[in-house]
């Protein structure tokens, strides 16, 4: 809260009375909207201007950020990203700010040139679309060392869903009885297993057949 903006010596002066009354209104104003550098409190409509101020628009990360949360993280780490730009750490941090925390950067992979590197990314919280590859490669090229070259970018999609599975076992016997006689026939059954459904059937043919 702000104190009265008019000094007491002026507030008692009749000429500054109206000014003193107006200054009292300042105590009720919400100043959080003007504290734009508090990125977590800034309105979403202000974020593009902050991103432009900290030079993280476009391929510096903004075009690949899908949510306000990732945009805020990008803005908050902008100074540190530019400070360490040109290092593997900056590449991994820029990708992590976008929610791509499951990633592996492999420097000097087997069979590659000493200046080449690979990146494997596992995506679980954002859709994998055709646009993700040019966005990621542009972001990586922005923060990678100038001497290094991205040899391979692998983006994998990890999903977790409920899966229903069932197993059914069928077993049966064919019994022929000659000659015809009345007797009790018991069909053997296989042992039952937990969570497995089992059906038994039998075919009995009795000779001689009579009408």
Protein backbone atom coordinates (compact mmCIF):
# COMPACT_ATOMS: atom_id res chain seq x y z
CA UNK A 1 0.00 0.00 0.00
CA UNK A 2 1.19 3.53 -0.80
CA UNK A 3 1.19 6.37 1.68
CA UNK A 4 -0.40 9.72 0.90
CA UNK A 5 1.68 11.15 -1.95
CA UNK A 6 1.18 14.77 -0.82
CA UNK A 7 3.52 16.00 1.95
CA UNK A 8 1.66 17.16 5.08
CA UNK A 9 3.01 20.68 4.74
CA UNK A 10 1.27 20.96 1.38
CA UNK A 11 -1.84 19.07 2.38
CA UNK A 12 -2.81 21.80 4.87
CA UNK A 13 -2.41 24.46 2.21
CA UNK A 14 -5.81 25.27 0.68
CA UNK A 15 -4.21 25.51 -2.74
CA UNK A 16 -3.05 21.89 -2.60
CA UNK A 17 -6.11 20.44 -0.90
CA UNK A 18 -7.57 18.94 -4.10
CA UNK A 19 -4.18 17.40 -4.91
CA UNK A 20 -4.09 15.80 -1.48
CA UNK A 21 -7.54 14.31 -2.03
CA UNK A 22 -6.52 12.88 -5.37
CA UNK A 23 -3.36 11.35 -3.93
CA UNK A 24 -5.44 9.42 -1.41
CA UNK A 25 -6.82 7.36 -4.30
CA UNK A 26 -3.35 5.98 -5.00
CA UNK A 27 -3.50 3.87 -1.85
CA UNK A 28 -6.27 1.74 -3.34
CA UNK A 29 -4.66 1.02 -6.69
CA UNK A 30 -3.48 -2.48 -7.60
CA UNK A 31 0.20 -1.98 -8.43
CA UNK A 32 0.84 -5.64 -9.29
CA UNK A 33 -0.11 -4.93 -12.91
CA UNK A 34 2.76 -2.49 -13.33
CA UNK A 35 5.34 -4.78 -11.71
CA UNK A 36 5.93 -6.50 -15.04
CA UNK A 37 9.43 -7.67 -14.15
CA UNK A 38 7.88 -10.02 -11.60
CA UNK A 39 7.34 -12.54 -14.38
CA UNK A 40 5.24 -14.95 -12.32
CA UNK A 41 2.74 -12.15 -11.54
CA UNK A 42 2.67 -10.53 -14.97
CA UNK A 43 -0.47 -10.79 -17.07
CA UNK A 44 -0.23 -13.24 -20.00
CA UNK A 45 -0.74 -10.34 -22.41
CA UNK A 46 2.51 -8.78 -21.15
CA UNK A 47 4.66 -11.87 -21.74
CA UNK A 48 5.36 -11.21 -25.47
CA UNK A 49 6.76 -7.78 -24.62
CA UNK A 50 8.97 -9.22 -21.89
CA UNK A 51 10.16 -11.94 -24.28
CA UNK A 52 11.08 -9.29 -26.83
CA UNK A 53 12.86 -7.25 -24.14
CA UNK A 54 14.96 -10.25 -23.07
CA UNK A 55 15.54 -11.39 -26.67
CA UNK A 56 13.90 -14.81 -26.53
CA UNK A 57 11.33 -14.34 -29.27
CA UNK A 58 11.13 -16.57 -32.34
CA UNK A 59 13.72 -19.33 -32.62
CA UNK A 60 15.26 -18.26 -29.32
CA UNK A 61 12.50 -20.26 -27.65
CA UNK A 62 9.22 -18.38 -27.88
CA UNK A 63 7.94 -20.12 -31.03
CA UNK A 64 8.37 -23.55 -29.40
CA UNK A 65 6.76 -22.61 -26.05
CA UNK A 66 3.18 -23.89 -25.95
CA UNK A 67 2.01 -22.67 -22.53
CA UNK A 68 2.25 -19.55 -20.39
CA UNK A 69 4.18 -21.56 -17.81
CA UNK A 70 6.91 -22.49 -20.30
CA UNK A 71 7.00 -18.91 -21.61
CA UNK A 72 7.52 -17.57 -18.10
CA UNK A 73 10.34 -20.05 -17.48
CA UNK A 74 11.95 -19.01 -20.75
CA UNK A 75 11.81 -15.33 -19.84
CA UNK A 76 13.15 -15.90 -16.31
CA UNK A 77 16.16 -17.82 -17.62
CA UNK A 78 16.81 -15.52 -20.59
CA UNK A 79 19.78 -13.69 -19.03
CA UNK A 80 21.46 -16.93 -18.00
CA UNK A 81 20.80 -18.49 -21.41
CA UNK A 82 22.48 -15.63 -23.23
CA UNK A 83 25.36 -15.66 -20.76
CA UNK A 84 26.13 -19.33 -21.47
CA UNK A 85 25.05 -19.31 -25.10
CA UNK A 86 27.29 -21.56 -27.16
CA UNK A 87 27.58 -24.33 -24.56
CA UNK A 88 25.89 -27.74 -24.22
CA UNK A 89 24.37 -26.51 -20.95
CA UNK A 90 22.52 -23.71 -22.77
CA UNK A 91 21.08 -26.18 -25.28
CA UNK A 92 19.77 -28.49 -22.56
CA UNK A 93 18.46 -25.61 -20.45
CA UNK A 94 16.61 -24.03 -23.37
CA UNK A 95 14.90 -27.34 -24.10
CA UNK A 96 14.13 -27.95 -20.42
CA UNK A 97 12.42 -24.55 -20.18
CA UNK A 98 9.94 -25.79 -22.77
CA UNK A 99 9.04 -28.81 -20.65
CA UNK A 100 11.36 -31.19 -22.52
CA UNK A 101 13.19 -32.40 -19.43
CA UNK A 102 13.65 -36.01 -20.60
CA UNK A 103 16.51 -35.43 -23.01
CA UNK A 104 20.01 -36.70 -23.57
CA UNK A 105 22.74 -34.75 -25.33
CA UNK A 106 25.47 -37.03 -26.64
CA UNK A 107 28.72 -35.30 -27.52
CA UNK A 108 31.07 -37.03 -29.95
CA UNK A 109 28.84 -40.07 -30.56
CA UNK A 110 30.44 -43.24 -31.88
CA UNK A 111 31.17 -43.11 -35.59
CA UNK A 112 30.59 -39.36 -35.83
CA UNK A 113 32.87 -36.39 -36.43
CA UNK A 114 34.38 -34.91 -33.29
CA UNK A 115 32.28 -31.74 -33.71
CA UNK A 116 28.97 -33.57 -34.15
CA UNK A 117 26.45 -34.37 -31.43
CA UNK A 118 23.13 -36.19 -31.06
CA UNK A 119 20.06 -35.31 -29.00
CA UNK A 120 17.37 -37.76 -27.89
CA UNK A 121 14.16 -36.22 -26.54
CA UNK A 122 11.25 -38.08 -24.95
CA UNK A 123 8.01 -36.11 -25.08
CA UNK A 124 5.18 -36.93 -22.70
CA UNK A 125 3.34 -33.66 -22.02
CA UNK A 126 3.06 -32.05 -25.44
CA UNK A 127 1.85 -33.23 -28.85
CA UNK A 128 4.39 -34.44 -31.39
CA UNK A 129 3.61 -32.64 -34.66
CA UNK A 130 5.45 -31.97 -37.88
CA UNK A 131 6.35 -28.50 -36.60
CA UNK A 132 8.25 -29.78 -33.57
CA UNK A 133 11.32 -30.82 -35.58
CA UNK A 134 12.06 -27.46 -37.25
CA UNK A 135 11.29 -25.70 -33.96
CA UNK A 136 13.69 -27.89 -32.00
CA UNK A 137 16.47 -27.73 -34.60
CA UNK A 138 16.21 -23.93 -34.80
CA UNK A 139 16.34 -23.67 -31.01
CA UNK A 140 19.33 -26.02 -30.81
CA UNK A 141 21.19 -24.14 -33.55
CA UNK A 142 20.65 -20.91 -31.63
CA UNK A 143 22.27 -22.06 -28.38
CA UNK A 144 24.78 -24.71 -29.52
CA UNK A 145 28.51 -24.01 -29.87
CA UNK A 146 29.32 -22.47 -33.25
CA UNK A 147 31.81 -25.26 -34.05
CA UNK A 148 29.31 -28.03 -33.33
CA UNK A 149 26.79 -29.61 -35.68
CA UNK A 150 23.62 -31.49 -34.83
CA UNK A 151 23.95 -34.90 -36.45
CA UNK A 152 20.76 -36.53 -35.26
CA UNK A 153 17.61 -35.44 -33.42
CA UNK A 154 15.35 -38.20 -32.14
CA UNK A 155 11.97 -37.24 -30.66
CA UNK A 156 10.05 -40.08 -29.01
CA UNK A 157 6.51 -39.96 -27.68
CA UNK A 158 5.85 -41.62 -24.32
CA UNK A 159 2.23 -42.30 -23.43
CA UNK A 160 0.61 -43.95 -20.43
CA UNK A 161 -2.87 -45.40 -20.78
CA UNK A 162 -4.90 -48.19 -19.28
CA UNK A 163 -4.80 -51.39 -21.32
CA UNK A 164 -7.29 -54.20 -21.08
CA UNK A 165 -6.03 -57.72 -21.74
CA UNK A 166 -7.76 -61.08 -21.69
CA UNK A 167 -6.80 -64.70 -22.27
CA UNK A 168 -9.13 -67.54 -23.16
CA UNK A 169 -8.26 -71.24 -23.17
CA UNK A 170 -10.37 -73.83 -24.97
CA UNK A 171 -10.00 -77.53 -24.31
CA UNK A 172 -12.08 -80.57 -25.19
CA UNK A 173 -12.26 -84.32 -25.80
CA UNK A 174 -13.88 -86.59 -28.39
CA UNK A 175 -15.25 -89.86 -26.90
CA UNK A 176 -16.63 -92.79 -28.87
CA UNK A 177 -18.49 -95.63 -27.05
CA UNK A 178 -19.11 -98.99 -28.66
CA UNK A 179 -21.43 -100.81 -28.15
CA UNK A 180 -24.15 -98.61 -26.73
CA UNK A 181 -24.45 -98.74 -22.98
CA UNK A 182 -25.61 -96.33 -20.31
CA UNK A 183 -22.85 -95.11 -18.06
CA UNK A 184 -21.70 -91.94 -16.34
CA UNK A 185 -19.17 -90.02 -18.45
CA UNK A 186 -16.92 -87.41 -16.85
CA UNK A 187 -15.04 -85.02 -19.13
CA UNK A 188 -11.57 -84.16 -17.85
CA UNK A 189 -10.91 -80.49 -17.22
CA UNK A 190 -7.67 -78.59 -17.18
CA UNK A 191 -6.64 -76.72 -14.07
CA UNK A 192 -7.83 -73.12 -13.85
CA UNK A 193 -5.45 -70.21 -13.56
CA UNK A 194 -6.13 -66.88 -11.90
CA UNK A 195 -7.56 -64.17 -14.17
CA UNK A 196 -7.86 -66.59 -17.11
CA UNK A 197 -11.19 -67.72 -18.53
CA UNK A 198 -11.44 -71.35 -19.58
CA UNK A 199 -14.02 -73.21 -21.63
CA UNK A 200 -14.28 -77.02 -21.90
CA UNK A 201 -16.36 -78.92 -24.37
CA UNK A 202 -16.72 -82.49 -25.47
CA UNK A 203 -18.11 -84.41 -28.43
CA UNK A 204 -19.62 -87.84 -27.60
CA UNK A 205 -20.58 -90.32 -30.28
CA UNK A 206 -22.44 -93.49 -29.18
CA UNK A 207 -22.63 -96.54 -31.43
CA UNK A 208 -24.77 -98.16 -32.57
CA UNK A 209 -27.05 -95.25 -33.28
CA UNK A 210 -30.77 -95.82 -32.75
CA UNK A 211 -33.71 -93.71 -33.80
